[in-house]
């Protein structure tokens, strides 16, 4: 019987080619969407992992100080796949004069040498080596390369310190160093102990790298790192007398960063192992998800997958349900010749399996191909996202993602076909002949029928529908009551379609933070081609002077820049900071929540809260000082009175009411800091010997206090704060925030990445002439950063020329950013996000239309005999139209209601997913798409009524009445 039923199923599929093709297409479309969503996220994650390896190294765990025996233990560990080690050659203290510009210590370590596995796992080196600017890498233990800022310096010229040179440092110079172990003394100072002399020959200079331990080999605290040849003998030993070494390792079979830390400690035999873990890489490998954005993307993928599966279940279920209804006589005849219920059920499930065997692989291929097409159209955006050196992002046909898509597709098929298969198993020969299987009374209809049977009289209740719509309404109401299963199918189809349309709009709505962040990241691009930012150079442990002391140098740079051919100075900005008190009613709730979250993630327990009991803000206020021309332009753009905003004796500020930043936990925030305008108090705090001020805070009785940290007590582990009344320890300066600005001026955008809200804008003339004594930070009108914006005929050429000018500035670090190029990249990223949302919306809209029309049209086809009976009874065209209109209106109301509830739940899930990475995103509905869903339902139902009328009028009544279901 198995072979017979299989052949019968194949013959049925072949005979009903159109229905089979539609069902296969539905399954393939579902699998394609699932594959596209999961493959997209997996490809982006894999691309980011590749980028991280290329820019930060492929290591998973790093330790700068382990014993030689610990290196051997790590090499023998099964969870370590690749291992490289280096020797710590010790540190030497620079003289006090040299330390002012070069740092306190010069640290020596060897180049890493492969101990196990490959030095370049996954095609990227374990640790990135610095780029040589001159000379060559060392080849012996007595050769060394130095950071570029050592070039030309003469060390130990005053005869002090543990490092000296035979003249200005250059390739071939001889360096003498007293190298030993760095240790912290009882007074908190660092020193070198057990020093031994070494003579080293300089073979080159490498480019300075930023002091981020996670991605470069030469960053170590504030010390410069000198490199010598791999395999050089260790210069320092640990407490057990073993050579001190460092390691980089990649791992295998490790499920979390916590497990990695435990295994590392067990292998090294130390609970205090100085280990770092490459979080920015591990999050892409699934070992550690340190940034909420990846939780957001995968949660978005999960919500979309759930929506796709739900829509697919409805579409495929309807197809199988209609198939079973059309073949009622077939199943009845098979039951009459001995087919069991299990065999009938298996026939439908076997049909589903055959359709899945064709549709799922086809859908997976289409999904991957479609993803590749979208990625190909977005390569510019991906190149901008990945950064310099990357031309785009390849589609990764990830086996796990495709397996998940296939599993979900087959699960969808099984769920969709199970109920129709059970219905087919219940068909009896008598029901098949009478064709009553799909005409079932609802509970209400059954109660009414039972009541009528008990009544002696022949009266029939007309009901509300009959009174309002006449005989057509009465018949429609009876149809809805008696064919409850058919009605539920249509309502479910409508609900899924409505949900699909609204959810596609929600996807576009909640992906907008990604595109907005990308496109607004360089908002100055619309007004400036290039921006520069400047701050005082700080290379040693002793902080350099403030930018206020380098005003002449920065002004000279601006003057030389303005003389460049084709370059025009648009404006300048200086940034300062002041301790302030801002009224509770002036800050928005979203800003307050963001600042409280920031304080929780960054502040120590002993640091007072930024907010008082009534919500008043006590903390730093960022101040941007615009040049007079830019200030007047801003005042004019906001429609303000220029005279009122240019009086230095009564400074009036403009509140910067926009802020975007990344919180310490990786969450992105976008907030409007101010709720309204009003007065703000700034405090010029007096300095005290042996103390560092901790800003202003609120006393228990509501007074303003100034906090001071006892530096000596803090060095001994007691970071207690002493306070003094602000009236005694500070000068208070009041300014009025008279207006709010919702967009950063171009010149503010040049340096705005370094401030915490709240922030205000003032004219530079206020900083130059207003009251306030002392230097920054005591003087609220002094500044620490500066920026400028330029327009240029050729922005790339001008940026290069400005970089050359910036390199000649002494004591200043000047960064030049080609904003126009960055803005183009941001626009590309935004376009890629919008393209994804558009593609998803278009495909889901097609599924929605196909789902509703397929359900209604096939349902109407199955009612051909019913329509013929009504025509034979004398129902005219208008009455028939009213009957169908009543039925469709009932379907529409129920479908819209249920669909909107489902869409609301899915939209809330999308909001929660986006809220994991973007703080302060308000819950909202895509009202335009919601209106489109209503219009779609009305249009499809109108077409269905028209189609039913056409079907009812076509053909012979006699032929329809004796039509055979086979």
Foldseek 3Di string as FASTA:
>chain_A
DLVVLVVVLVVLCVVPVVLLVLLLQLLLQLLLVLLQLLLVLLQLLVQLLVLCCAQFNDFFKKFAWFFPQLLVLLQPDPFFAWKKKKFWAAKWAFDPVCQQFAAGIETEMADIDTDHHDCQPPNGGRADAFAFPDFDAADDLQEKEWAPVQAQDATCPVVDIFKGWPGGDDQFTKIKGFGAHWDADPLRDIDGPPTDIGIHGYGGHGYDDDQDVRGHDQHDPLHGYMYHHGPHFHNYADPVRGGIMMMTTHTPPAQAPVSVLVVSCVSRVHPPGRMDGNQSNCCSVNHYVLALLSLLSVLLSVLVSVLSLLLSLLQSLLSLLLVLLLCLLVLQVVVVVPDALVSLLVSLVVSLVVSLVSNNVSSSVSSLVVSQVLQVVQQLLQDLVSDPPGRGTGRDSDPVSSVVSSVSSSVSSCSSRNVSSNLSSPRHNVCSVVSCSQFAADPVRVVVVVVCVPDPDPDDDCDPLCVVQNPLRSVLVVSCRGRVVLLVSLLSLLLSLLLLLQLLLLLLVLLVVVLVCLLCLLVLLVPFQKKKKKFFDGSYPDGDDFCLVVVVLVVVLVVVLCPDPFKHFDWKKFKFKFWKKADQQWWDPLLLVVQQVLCVVDPDPQQDDQADPVGIGTGMAMEMAIAPVVVVVVCVVVVHDVVVCPDLAAHEWAWAQWDWDAGPSNFIEIGGTTPDWWKMKTKLFDDDPQWDWDGWDADPVGFIKIWIFRNSCVSVPRRHIDIDGSVPGIDIDMHTNPYYDHDDHSFCSSPVRPDRDGYIYGHLVNLVDPDFDDEPPSGRSHGRMMMTGMHGPDLVVSQVVSVVSQVPRPRMRMDMDRSNVSSVSSNSNSVSSSVVSVVSSVSSSVSSLCSNLVSLVSVLVSCQLVLLVVVVVPDDLVSLLSSLVSNLVVSLVSSLVSSVVSSVVSSVSSVVSSCSRYPPDDRDTSVVSSVVSSVSSVVSSVVSSVSSSVSSPDDDSVCSNPPDSD
